[in-house]
Amino acid sequence: MISVKSRSKKLQDCQIDVKGGDSNALTSALEQISKQNKKISVYRIRLTYLKDDKHIPITEATYFDNVDDNLQLYIKDLGPQVGWRLVFFVEYLGPILVHSLLYYLSTIESVREAVHYNKPNYDPSLNKIAFILVVAHYVKRELETIFLHTFTLATMPLFNIFKNSFHYWILNGAIALGYFGFGFIFSTDQLSWVYRALHQVKLSTLISLFILSETWNFYIHLKLRVYGDQQKLKGNTTKRVAINEGIFKILVAPNYTFEVWSWVWFTVIFKFNFFALVFLTVSATQMYFWAMKKNKKYGTKRAFFIPYIF
């Protein structure tokens, strides 16, 4: 029997009997712990072992292949859990609802007057384009969440649904204030100079680049799903392995790359609106750190944003 010590008040110490070489060893261990703790959900249990005074999570059944009864393991209650797919769905629903509501309200003159809108910067034609692009982006994300993405872990802490939703409901939702003319910090003359410098004077060109980035992003997600299914057929259901072909040999996380590029084009289209710039900066920074973690994990030095450069 293997001794398991609790690190949480809600869980009690227990013992488990696990056989090495069993592909279901980890599942069996968690189920035994659950039964001895009022049938608490196995998704709330984090099973760890000590290494250099650090708790290392046990995520694969192979850990139990060479264990003995003198082994000391530890458990921690992760708290209420919620499914990853549900979290993603709720996150991406936010911008769709917020932008739809504020765009509709911006078309009503009495509402615009009531919020003291910035009349010189109010542009209904540009608003319509920005609204369509944002909603199309998140409808795509919702469809990918429902039909395309798979998740290594089944759940995450319930609190994460609120923490993660802030990024989408609030930061991205704030962009919708631009429908009332708020957040435009550059004058028409300044913007004209920027567009000339970028050699992108046509709005249709910028929209095409946005669509191209979204298409590439979808392709990468599809490629990742196919590759993940292939790994499962080989028996690898937990460890992520880097793809070493095509664009993946150049960019460490091309799905992040084209996500950022989509918002770059959107920000240019929406006249470098302050709220769009904030969302772009926060999103790009977060994805950069995620990408660098992948480089460290895979032992690679691939680019994040610009091939071979950055």
C-alpha atoms as a PDB file:
ATOM      1  CA  MET A   1       0.000   0.000   0.000  1.00  0.00           C
ATOM      2  CA  ILE A   2       1.199   3.492  -0.850  1.00  0.00           C
ATOM      3  CA  SER A   3       0.770   6.195   1.784  1.00  0.00           C
ATOM      4  CA  VAL A   4      -0.887   9.430   0.653  1.00  0.00           C
ATOM      5  CA  LYS A   5      -0.714  12.543   2.843  1.00  0.00           C
ATOM      6  CA  SER A   6      -3.197  15.410   2.520  1.00  0.00           C
ATOM      7  CA  ARG A   7      -2.076  19.008   1.979  1.00  0.00           C
ATOM      8  CA  SER A   8      -5.644  20.329   2.274  1.00  0.00           C
ATOM      9  CA  LYS A   9      -8.047  20.536   5.206  1.00  0.00           C
ATOM     10  CA  LYS A  10     -10.903  19.086   3.142  1.00  0.00           C
ATOM     11  CA  LEU A  11      -8.975  15.911   2.340  1.00  0.00           C
ATOM     12  CA  GLN A  12      -7.778  13.219   4.690  1.00  0.00           C
ATOM     13  CA  ASP A  13      -4.687  11.033   4.621  1.00  0.00           C
ATOM     14  CA  CYS A  14      -5.255   7.675   2.962  1.00  0.00           C
ATOM     15  CA  GLN A  15      -3.610   4.639   1.409  1.00  0.00           C
ATOM     16  CA  ILE A  16      -3.849   3.317  -2.128  1.00  0.00           C
ATOM     17  CA  ASP A  17      -2.966   0.072  -3.846  1.00  0.00           C
ATOM     18  CA  VAL A  18      -1.630   0.662  -7.351  1.00  0.00           C
ATOM     19  CA  LYS A  19       0.017  -1.835  -9.678  1.00  0.00           C
ATOM     20  CA  GLY A  20       2.924  -0.763 -11.861  1.00  0.00           C
ATOM     21  CA  GLY A  21       2.703  -1.349 -15.587  1.00  0.00           C
ATOM     22  CA  ASP A  22      -1.034  -0.669 -15.637  1.00  0.00           C
ATOM     23  CA  SER A  23      -2.059   2.038 -18.133  1.00  0.00           C
ATOM     24  CA  ASN A  24      -4.937   2.924 -15.785  1.00  0.00           C
ATOM     25  CA  ALA A  25      -2.743   3.200 -12.700  1.00  0.00           C
ATOM     26  CA  LEU A  26      -3.178   6.959 -12.287  1.00  0.00           C
ATOM     27  CA  THR A  27      -6.938   6.758 -12.789  1.00  0.00           C
ATOM     28  CA  SER A  28      -7.119   3.944 -10.256  1.00  0.00           C
ATOM     29  CA  ALA A  29      -5.087   5.930  -7.723  1.00  0.00           C
ATOM     30  CA  LEU A  30      -7.328   8.989  -8.035  1.00  0.00           C
ATOM     31  CA  GLU A  31     -10.491   6.896  -7.772  1.00  0.00           C
ATOM     32  CA  GLN A  32      -9.239   5.215  -4.592  1.00  0.00           C
ATOM     33  CA  ILE A  33      -8.394   8.586  -3.069  1.00  0.00           C
ATOM     34  CA  SER A  34     -11.826   9.878  -4.054  1.00  0.00           C
ATOM     35  CA  LYS A  35     -13.617   6.953  -2.384  1.00  0.00           C
ATOM     36  CA  GLN A  36     -11.726   7.574   0.852  1.00  0.00           C
ATOM     37  CA  ASN A  37     -12.636  11.282   0.745  1.00  0.00           C
ATOM     38  CA  LYS A  38     -16.428  11.298   0.456  1.00  0.00           C
ATOM     39  CA  LYS A  39     -16.255  10.629  -3.286  1.00  0.00           C
ATOM     40  CA  ILE A  40     -14.824  14.038  -4.067  1.00  0.00           C
ATOM     41  CA  SER A  41     -14.440  14.608  -7.817  1.00  0.00           C
ATOM     42  CA  VAL A  42     -11.176  13.174  -9.126  1.00  0.00           C
ATOM     43  CA  TYR A  43     -10.752  16.379 -11.118  1.00  0.00           C
ATOM     44  CA  ARG A  44     -10.339  18.303  -7.861  1.00  0.00           C
ATOM     45  CA  ILE A  45      -7.453  16.104  -6.712  1.00  0.00           C
ATOM     46  CA  ARG A  46      -3.830  16.990  -7.466  1.00  0.00           C
ATOM     47  CA  LEU A  47      -1.560  14.016  -6.766  1.00  0.00           C
ATOM     48  CA  THR A  48       2.119  14.879  -6.297  1.00  0.00           C
ATOM     49  CA  TYR A  49       5.480  13.573  -5.124  1.00  0.00           C
ATOM     50  CA  LEU A  50       8.370  15.435  -3.547  1.00  0.00           C
ATOM     51  CA  LYS A  51      11.553  16.162  -5.466  1.00  0.00           C
ATOM     52  CA  ASP A  52      14.125  18.599  -4.116  1.00  0.00           C
ATOM     53  CA  ASP A  53      11.471  19.886  -1.665  1.00  0.00           C
ATOM     54  CA  LYS A  54       9.122  20.685  -4.539  1.00  0.00           C
ATOM     55  CA  HIS A  55       5.761  19.047  -5.226  1.00  0.00           C
ATOM     56  CA  ILE A  56       5.766  17.555  -8.730  1.00  0.00           C
ATOM     57  CA  PRO A  57       2.315  16.688 -10.184  1.00  0.00           C
ATOM     58  CA  ILE A  58       1.819  13.085 -11.322  1.00  0.00           C
ATOM     59  CA  THR A  59       0.225  13.247 -14.765  1.00  0.00           C
ATOM     60  CA  GLU A  60       1.107   9.883 -16.317  1.00  0.00           C
ATOM     61  CA  ALA A  61       0.422   6.280 -15.280  1.00  0.00           C
ATOM     62  CA  THR A  62       4.035   5.351 -16.068  1.00  0.00           C
ATOM     63  CA  TYR A  63       5.089   7.065 -12.828  1.00  0.00           C
ATOM     64  CA  PHE A  64       3.832   3.997 -10.932  1.00  0.00           C
ATOM     65  CA  ASP A  65       5.891   1.499 -12.964  1.00  0.00           C
ATOM     66  CA  ASN A  66       8.757   1.447 -10.455  1.00  0.00           C
ATOM     67  CA  VAL A  67       7.271   2.353  -7.095  1.00  0.00           C
ATOM     68  CA  ASP A  68       7.282   0.527  -3.769  1.00  0.00           C
ATOM     69  CA  ASP A  69       5.175   0.581  -0.644  1.00  0.00           C
ATOM     70  CA  ASN A  70       7.578   2.984   1.082  1.00  0.00           C
ATOM     71  CA  LEU A  71       6.633   5.736  -1.364  1.00  0.00           C
ATOM     72  CA  GLN A  72       5.070   8.893   0.100  1.00  0.00           C
ATOM     73  CA  LEU A  73       2.641  10.795  -2.110  1.00  0.00           C
ATOM     74  CA  TYR A  74       0.618  13.942  -1.456  1.00  0.00           C
ATOM     75  CA  ILE A  75      -2.825  15.210  -2.421  1.00  0.00           C
ATOM     76  CA  LYS A  76      -4.280  18.695  -2.641  1.00  0.00           C
ATOM     77  CA  ASP A  77      -7.849  19.862  -3.191  1.00  0.00           C
ATOM     78  CA  LEU A  78      -7.931  22.172  -6.220  1.00  0.00           C
ATOM     79  CA  GLY A  79     -11.411  23.422  -5.352  1.00  0.00           C
ATOM     80  CA  PRO A  80     -14.544  23.492  -7.550  1.00  0.00           C
ATOM     81  CA  GLN A  81     -13.765  22.688 -11.176  1.00  0.00           C
ATOM     82  CA  VAL A  82     -15.290  23.605 -14.521  1.00  0.00           C
ATOM     83  CA  GLY A  83     -14.730  22.103 -17.958  1.00  0.00           C
ATOM     84  CA  TRP A  84     -12.151  23.706 -20.252  1.00  0.00           C
ATOM     85  CA  ARG A  85     -14.568  23.733 -23.177  1.00  0.00           C
ATOM     86  CA  LEU A  86     -17.193  25.574 -21.136  1.00  0.00           C
ATOM     87  CA  VAL A  87     -14.624  28.146 -19.983  1.00  0.00           C
ATOM     88  CA  PHE A  88     -13.535  28.833 -23.551  1.00  0.00           C
ATOM     89  CA  PHE A  89     -17.150  29.062 -24.707  1.00  0.00           C
ATOM     90  CA  VAL A  90     -18.038  31.591 -21.999  1.00  0.00           C
ATOM     91  CA  GLU A  91     -14.882  33.621 -22.639  1.00  0.00           C
ATOM     92  CA  TYR A  92     -15.517  34.001 -26.354  1.00  0.00           C
ATOM     93  CA  LEU A  93     -19.224  34.654 -25.889  1.00  0.00           C
ATOM     94  CA  GLY A  94     -18.405  37.874 -24.039  1.00  0.00           C
ATOM     95  CA  PRO A  95     -17.129  39.968 -26.966  1.00  0.00           C
ATOM     96  CA  ILE A  96     -20.014  38.780 -29.161  1.00  0.00           C
ATOM     97  CA  LEU A  97     -22.596  39.943 -26.608  1.00  0.00           C
ATOM     98  CA  VAL A  98     -20.836  43.170 -25.574  1.00  0.00           C
ATOM     99  CA  HIS A  99     -20.047  44.322 -29.111  1.00  0.00           C
ATOM    100  CA  SER A 100     -23.518  43.412 -30.387  1.00  0.00           C
ATOM    101  CA  LEU A 101     -25.201  45.401 -27.610  1.00  0.00           C
ATOM    102  CA  LEU A 102     -22.992  48.489 -27.826  1.00  0.00           C
ATOM    103  CA  TYR A 103     -22.977  48.516 -31.627  1.00  0.00           C
ATOM    104  CA  TYR A 104     -26.787  48.408 -31.649  1.00  0.00           C
ATOM    105  CA  LEU A 105     -26.992  51.190 -29.055  1.00  0.00           C
ATOM    106  CA  SER A 106     -24.523  53.306 -31.045  1.00  0.00           C
ATOM    107  CA  THR A 107     -26.948  53.348 -33.976  1.00  0.00           C
ATOM    108  CA  ILE A 108     -29.616  55.074 -31.831  1.00  0.00           C
ATOM    109  CA  GLU A 109     -29.133  58.838 -31.814  1.00  0.00           C
ATOM    110  CA  SER A 110     -30.846  59.396 -28.454  1.00  0.00           C
ATOM    111  CA  VAL A 111     -28.483  56.885 -26.826  1.00  0.00           C
ATOM    112  CA  ARG A 112     -25.441  58.506 -28.407  1.00  0.00           C
ATOM    113  CA  GLU A 113     -26.548  61.875 -27.095  1.00  0.00           C
ATOM    114  CA  ALA A 114     -27.178  60.438 -23.638  1.00  0.00           C
ATOM    115  CA  VAL A 115     -23.598  59.129 -23.339  1.00  0.00           C
ATOM    116  CA  HIS A 116     -22.144  62.377 -24.734  1.00  0.00           C
ATOM    117  CA  TYR A 117     -20.540  60.605 -27.648  1.00  0.00           C
ATOM    118  CA  ASN A 118     -17.541  62.058 -29.482  1.00  0.00           C
ATOM    119  CA  LYS A 119     -19.322  63.303 -32.574  1.00  0.00           C
ATOM    120  CA  PRO A 120     -16.241  64.197 -34.691  1.00  0.00           C
ATOM    121  CA  ASN A 121     -14.908  60.634 -34.331  1.00  0.00           C
ATOM    122  CA  TYR A 122     -18.242  58.870 -34.761  1.00  0.00           C
ATOM    123  CA  ASP A 123     -18.034  56.896 -38.001  1.00  0.00           C
ATOM    124  CA  PRO A 124     -20.964  54.497 -38.610  1.00  0.00           C
ATOM    125  CA  SER A 125     -19.318  52.941 -41.683  1.00  0.00           C
ATOM    126  CA  LEU A 126     -16.106  52.132 -39.826  1.00  0.00           C
ATOM    127  CA  ASN A 127     -18.127  50.928 -36.834  1.00  0.00           C
ATOM    128  CA  LYS A 128     -19.957  48.425 -38.994  1.00  0.00           C
ATOM    129  CA  ILE A 129     -16.703  47.028 -40.385  1.00  0.00           C
ATOM    130  CA  ALA A 130     -15.095  46.774 -36.922  1.00  0.00           C
ATOM    131  CA  PHE A 131     -18.207  45.127 -35.480  1.00  0.00           C
ATOM    132  CA  ILE A 132     -18.348  42.514 -38.254  1.00  0.00           C
ATOM    133  CA  LEU A 133     -14.646  41.679 -37.875  1.00  0.00           C
ATOM    134  CA  VAL A 134     -14.831  41.255 -34.093  1.00  0.00           C
ATOM    135  CA  VAL A 135     -17.980  39.130 -34.153  1.00  0.00           C
ATOM    136  CA  ALA A 136     -16.691  37.006 -37.052  1.00  0.00           C
ATOM    137  CA  HIS A 137     -13.450  36.398 -35.136  1.00  0.00           C
ATOM    138  CA  TYR A 138     -15.211  35.192 -32.003  1.00  0.00           C
ATOM    139  CA  VAL A 139     -17.853  33.170 -33.824  1.00  0.00           C
ATOM    140  CA  LYS A 140     -14.912  31.373 -35.437  1.00  0.00           C
ATOM    141  CA  ARG A 141     -13.373  30.831 -32.003  1.00  0.00           C
ATOM    142  CA  GLU A 142     -16.662  29.480 -30.624  1.00  0.00           C
ATOM    143  CA  LEU A 143     -17.025  27.013 -33.503  1.00  0.00           C
ATOM    144  CA  GLU A 144     -13.428  25.869 -33.029  1.00  0.00           C
ATOM    145  CA  THR A 145     -14.067  25.400 -29.307  1.00  0.00           C
ATOM    146  CA  ILE A 146     -17.155  23.267 -29.928  1.00  0.00           C
ATOM    147  CA  PHE A 147     -16.056  21.215 -32.922  1.00  0.00           C
ATOM    148  CA  LEU A 148     -12.264  21.373 -33.287  1.00  0.00           C
ATOM    149  CA  HIS A 149     -10.300  21.778 -30.064  1.00  0.00           C
ATOM    150  CA  THR A 150      -9.422  18.964 -27.703  1.00  0.00           C
ATOM    151  CA  PHE A 151      -8.024  19.501 -24.218  1.00  0.00           C
ATOM    152  CA  THR A 152      -5.296  17.601 -22.390  1.00  0.00           C
ATOM    153  CA  LEU A 153      -6.943  18.337 -19.042  1.00  0.00           C
ATOM    154  CA  ALA A 154     -10.678  17.938 -18.490  1.00  0.00           C
ATOM    155  CA  THR A 155     -11.175  20.791 -16.020  1.00  0.00           C
ATOM    156  CA  MET A 156      -9.709  23.923 -14.478  1.00  0.00           C
ATOM    157  CA  PRO A 157     -10.510  25.781 -11.228  1.00  0.00           C
ATOM    158  CA  LEU A 158     -13.902  27.503 -11.301  1.00  0.00           C
ATOM    159  CA  PHE A 159     -12.312  30.870 -10.461  1.00  0.00           C
ATOM    160  CA  ASN A 160     -10.506  30.808 -13.808  1.00  0.00           C
ATOM    161  CA  ILE A 161     -13.749  31.346 -15.684  1.00  0.00           C
ATOM    162  CA  PHE A 162     -13.991  34.800 -14.093  1.00  0.00           C
ATOM    163  CA  LYS A 163     -10.294  35.624 -14.338  1.00  0.00           C
ATOM    164  CA  ASN A 164     -10.049  34.575 -17.985  1.00  0.00           C
ATOM    165  CA  SER A 165     -13.337  36.205 -18.946  1.00  0.00           C
ATOM    166  CA  PHE A 166     -12.042  39.609 -17.826  1.00  0.00           C
ATOM    167  CA  HIS A 167      -9.646  39.626 -20.781  1.00  0.00           C
ATOM    168  CA  TYR A 168     -12.439  39.075 -23.290  1.00  0.00           C
ATOM    169  CA  TRP A 169     -15.547  40.591 -21.704  1.00  0.00           C
ATOM    170  CA  ILE A 170     -13.834  43.731 -20.363  1.00  0.00           C
ATOM    171  CA  LEU A 171     -10.599  44.380 -22.292  1.00  0.00           C
ATOM    172  CA  ASN A 172     -11.988  43.383 -25.677  1.00  0.00           C
ATOM    173  CA  GLY A 173     -15.450  44.680 -24.812  1.00  0.00           C
ATOM    174  CA  ALA A 174     -13.957  48.110 -24.159  1.00  0.00           C
ATOM    175  CA  ILE A 175     -13.090  48.349 -27.855  1.00  0.00           C
ATOM    176  CA  ALA A 176     -16.835  48.714 -28.456  1.00  0.00           C
ATOM    177  CA  LEU A 177     -16.660  52.164 -26.839  1.00  0.00           C
ATOM    178  CA  GLY A 178     -15.118  53.181 -30.137  1.00  0.00           C
ATOM    179  CA  TYR A 179     -18.579  52.830 -31.702  1.00  0.00           C
ATOM    180  CA  PHE A 180     -19.438  56.017 -29.819  1.00  0.00           C
ATOM    181  CA  GLY A 181     -16.279  57.770 -30.994  1.00  0.00           C
ATOM    182  CA  PHE A 182     -14.284  57.176 -27.801  1.00  0.00           C
ATOM    183  CA  GLY A 183     -10.623  56.168 -27.745  1.00  0.00           C
ATOM    184  CA  PHE A 184      -9.452  57.678 -31.034  1.00  0.00           C
ATOM    185  CA  ILE A 185      -6.229  59.377 -29.988  1.00  0.00           C
ATOM    186  CA  PHE A 186      -4.791  60.256 -33.405  1.00  0.00           C
ATOM    187  CA  SER A 187      -5.973  63.004 -35.731  1.00  0.00           C
ATOM    188  CA  THR A 188      -6.894  62.371 -39.359  1.00  0.00           C
ATOM    189  CA  ASP A 189      -3.654  64.031 -40.509  1.00  0.00           C
ATOM    190  CA  GLN A 190      -1.562  61.852 -38.207  1.00  0.00           C
ATOM    191  CA  LEU A 191      -3.305  58.721 -39.392  1.00  0.00           C
ATOM    192  CA  SER A 192      -2.836  59.669 -43.037  1.00  0.00           C
ATOM    193  CA  TRP A 193       0.914  59.895 -42.425  1.00  0.00           C
ATOM    194  CA  VAL A 194       0.937  56.467 -40.740  1.00  0.00           C
ATOM    195  CA  TYR A 195      -1.051  54.824 -43.548  1.00  0.00           C
ATOM    196  CA  ARG A 196       1.286  56.295 -46.158  1.00  0.00           C
ATOM    197  CA  ALA A 197       4.293  55.031 -44.206  1.00  0.00           C
ATOM    198  CA  LEU A 198       2.777  51.545 -44.109  1.00  0.00           C
ATOM    199  CA  HIS A 199       1.865  51.708 -47.788  1.00  0.00           C
ATOM    200  CA  GLN A 200      -1.578  50.423 -46.811  1.00  0.00           C
ATOM    201  CA  VAL A 201      -3.899  53.212 -47.906  1.00  0.00           C
ATOM    202  CA  LYS A 202      -6.718  50.920 -48.988  1.00  0.00           C
ATOM    203  CA  LEU A 203      -9.139  49.682 -46.360  1.00  0.00           C
ATOM    204  CA  SER A 204      -9.878  46.633 -48.487  1.00  0.00           C
ATOM    205  CA  THR A 205      -6.214  45.599 -48.289  1.00  0.00           C
ATOM    206  CA  LEU A 206      -6.238  45.744 -44.500  1.00  0.00           C
ATOM    207  CA  ILE A 207      -9.466  43.729 -44.314  1.00  0.00           C
ATOM    208  CA  SER A 208      -7.963  41.147 -46.684  1.00  0.00           C
ATOM    209  CA  LEU A 209      -4.896  40.845 -44.440  1.00  0.00           C
ATOM    210  CA  PHE A 210      -7.179  40.355 -41.425  1.00  0.00           C
ATOM    211  CA  ILE A 211      -9.070  37.579 -43.227  1.00  0.00           C
ATOM    212  CA  LEU A 212      -5.796  35.982 -44.356  1.00  0.00           C
ATOM    213  CA  SER A 213      -4.486  35.940 -40.774  1.00  0.00           C
ATOM    214  CA  GLU A 214      -7.752  34.414 -39.538  1.00  0.00           C
ATOM    215  CA  THR A 215      -7.566  31.751 -42.247  1.00  0.00           C
ATOM    216  CA  TRP A 216      -4.002  30.855 -41.295  1.00  0.00           C
ATOM    217  CA  ASN A 217      -5.010  30.722 -37.639  1.00  0.00           C
ATOM    218  CA  PHE A 218      -7.817  28.278 -38.460  1.00  0.00           C
ATOM    219  CA  TYR A 219      -5.464  26.154 -40.566  1.00  0.00           C
ATOM    220  CA  ILE A 220      -2.962  25.956 -37.692  1.00  0.00           C
ATOM    221  CA  HIS A 221      -5.699  24.915 -35.257  1.00  0.00           C
ATOM    222  CA  LEU A 222      -6.844  22.242 -37.710  1.00  0.00           C
ATOM    223  CA  LYS A 223      -3.258  21.031 -38.148  1.00  0.00           C
ATOM    224  CA  LEU A 224      -2.801  20.833 -34.375  1.00  0.00           C
ATOM    225  CA  ARG A 225      -5.990  18.800 -34.012  1.00  0.00           C
ATOM    226  CA  VAL A 226      -4.939  16.319 -36.715  1.00  0.00           C
ATOM    227  CA  TYR A 227      -1.452  16.037 -35.203  1.00  0.00           C
ATOM    228  CA  GLY A 228      -2.918  15.529 -31.732  1.00  0.00           C
ATOM    229  CA  ASP A 229      -5.147  12.715 -33.003  1.00  0.00           C
ATOM    230  CA  GLN A 230      -2.122  11.083 -34.610  1.00  0.00           C
ATOM    231  CA  GLN A 231      -0.253  11.244 -31.290  1.00  0.00           C
ATOM    232  CA  LYS A 232      -3.165   9.560 -29.522  1.00  0.00           C
ATOM    233  CA  LEU A 233      -3.100   6.707 -32.050  1.00  0.00           C
ATOM    234  CA  LYS A 234       0.552   6.230 -31.117  1.00  0.00           C
ATOM    235  CA  GLY A 235      -0.426   5.946 -27.459  1.00  0.00           C
ATOM    236  CA  ASN A 236       0.646   9.448 -26.408  1.00  0.00           C
ATOM    237  CA  THR A 237      -2.351  10.989 -24.677  1.00  0.00           C
ATOM    238  CA  THR A 238      -0.657  13.354 -22.215  1.00  0.00           C
ATOM    239  CA  LYS A 239       2.770  14.541 -23.417  1.00  0.00           C
ATOM    240  CA  ARG A 240       2.779  17.281 -26.029  1.00  0.00           C
ATOM    241  CA  VAL A 241       5.349  16.888 -28.793  1.00  0.00           C
ATOM    242  CA  ALA A 242       6.434  19.746 -31.067  1.00  0.00           C
ATOM    243  CA  ILE A 243       5.543  19.573 -34.763  1.00  0.00           C
ATOM    244  CA  ASN A 244       8.702  19.685 -36.873  1.00  0.00           C
ATOM    245  CA  GLU A 245       7.383  20.449 -40.329  1.00  0.00           C
ATOM    246  CA  GLY A 246       6.261  23.374 -42.453  1.00  0.00           C
ATOM    247  CA  ILE A 247       5.594  26.653 -40.713  1.00  0.00           C
ATOM    248  CA  PHE A 248       6.019  24.982 -37.308  1.00  0.00           C
ATOM    249  CA  LYS A 249       9.776  24.743 -37.983  1.00  0.00           C
ATOM    250  CA  ILE A 250       9.868  28.542 -38.281  1.00  0.00           C
ATOM    251  CA  LEU A 251       7.367  29.727 -35.656  1.00  0.00           C
ATOM    252  CA  VAL A 252       7.116  28.169 -32.205  1.00  0.00           C
ATOM    253  CA  ALA A 253       3.360  28.762 -31.947  1.00  0.00           C
ATOM    254  CA  PRO A 254       1.981  29.948 -35.304  1.00  0.00           C
ATOM    255  CA  ASN A 255      -1.573  29.942 -33.958  1.00  0.00           C
ATOM    256  CA  TYR A 256      -0.477  32.709 -31.560  1.00  0.00           C
ATOM    257  CA  THR A 257       1.416  34.459 -34.352  1.00  0.00           C
ATOM    258  CA  PHE A 258      -1.582  34.795 -36.653  1.00  0.00           C
ATOM    259  CA  GLU A 259      -3.881  35.630 -33.748  1.00  0.00           C
ATOM    260  CA  VAL A 260      -1.654  38.619 -33.000  1.00  0.00           C
ATOM    261  CA  TRP A 261      -1.445  39.595 -36.663  1.00  0.00           C
ATOM    262  CA  SER A 262      -5.256  39.559 -36.893  1.00  0.00           C
ATOM    263  CA  TRP A 263      -5.465  42.086 -34.079  1.00  0.00           C
ATOM    264  CA  VAL A 264      -2.669  44.164 -35.578  1.00  0.00           C
ATOM    265  CA  TRP A 265      -4.673  44.570 -38.793  1.00  0.00           C
ATOM    266  CA  PHE A 266      -7.856  45.202 -36.827  1.00  0.00           C
ATOM    267  CA  THR A 267      -6.135  47.932 -34.786  1.00  0.00           C
ATOM    268  CA  VAL A 268      -4.900  49.638 -37.943  1.00  0.00           C
ATOM    269  CA  ILE A 269      -8.382  49.387 -39.483  1.00  0.00           C
ATOM    270  CA  PHE A 270      -9.955  50.891 -36.354  1.00  0.00           C
ATOM    271  CA  LYS A 271      -7.630  53.900 -36.583  1.00  0.00           C
ATOM    272  CA  PHE A 272      -5.311  52.797 -33.757  1.00  0.00           C
ATOM    273  CA  ASN A 273      -8.123  53.162 -31.238  1.00  0.00           C
ATOM    274  CA  PHE A 274      -6.730  53.307 -27.698  1.00  0.00           C
ATOM    275  CA  PHE A 275      -8.834  50.384 -26.452  1.00  0.00           C
ATOM    276  CA  ALA A 276      -7.794  48.255 -29.429  1.00  0.00           C
ATOM    277  CA  LEU A 277      -4.147  49.098 -28.740  1.00  0.00           C
ATOM    278  CA  VAL A 278      -4.514  48.065 -25.089  1.00  0.00           C
ATOM    279  CA  PHE A 279      -6.144  44.774 -26.011  1.00  0.00           C
ATOM    280  CA  LEU A 280      -3.510  44.086 -28.677  1.00  0.00           C
ATOM    281  CA  THR A 281      -0.649  44.861 -26.279  1.00  0.00           C
ATOM    282  CA  VAL A 282      -1.987  42.709 -23.441  1.00  0.00           C
ATOM    283  CA  SER A 283      -2.862  39.815 -25.768  1.00  0.00           C
ATOM    284  CA  ALA A 284       0.441  39.877 -27.647  1.00  0.00           C
ATOM    285  CA  THR A 285       2.457  40.055 -24.407  1.00  0.00           C
ATOM    286  CA  GLN A 286       0.609  37.095 -22.886  1.00  0.00           C
ATOM    287  CA  MET A 287       0.972  34.986 -26.045  1.00  0.00           C
ATOM    288  CA  TYR A 288       4.662  35.892 -26.274  1.00  0.00           C
ATOM    289  CA  PHE A 289       5.271  34.471 -22.786  1.00  0.00           C
ATOM    290  CA  TRP A 290       3.261  31.340 -23.650  1.00  0.00           C
ATOM    291  CA  ALA A 291       5.299  30.925 -26.829  1.00  0.00           C
ATOM    292  CA  MET A 292       8.601  31.290 -24.955  1.00  0.00           C
ATOM    293  CA  LYS A 293       7.459  28.598 -22.514  1.00  0.00           C
ATOM    294  CA  LYS A 294       6.905  26.319 -25.503  1.00  0.00           C
ATOM    295  CA  ASN A 295      10.415  27.087 -26.778  1.00  0.00           C
ATOM    296  CA  LYS A 296      11.810  26.170 -23.360  1.00  0.00           C
ATOM    297  CA  LYS A 297       9.679  23.030 -23.154  1.00  0.00           C
ATOM    298  CA  TYR A 298      10.610  21.821 -26.643  1.00  0.00           C
ATOM    299  CA  GLY A 299      14.244  22.957 -26.439  1.00  0.00           C
ATOM    300  CA  THR A 300      13.843  25.178 -29.510  1.00  0.00           C
ATOM    301  CA  LYS A 301      14.605  28.796 -30.397  1.00  0.00           C
ATOM    302  CA  ARG A 302      11.878  29.444 -32.936  1.00  0.00           C
ATOM    303  CA  ALA A 303      10.420  32.867 -33.693  1.00  0.00           C
ATOM    304  CA  PHE A 304       7.179  34.145 -32.196  1.00  0.00           C
ATOM    305  CA  PHE A 305       6.029  36.974 -34.471  1.00  0.00           C
ATOM    306  CA  ILE A 306       8.388  37.583 -37.396  1.00  0.00           C
ATOM    307  CA  PRO A 307      10.097  34.493 -38.930  1.00  0.00           C
ATOM    308  CA  TYR A 308      13.834  34.219 -38.119  1.00  0.00           C
ATOM    309  CA  ILE A 309      13.797  37.641 -36.422  1.00  0.00           C
ATOM    310  CA  PHE A 310      11.480  37.780 -33.402  1.00  0.00           C
END
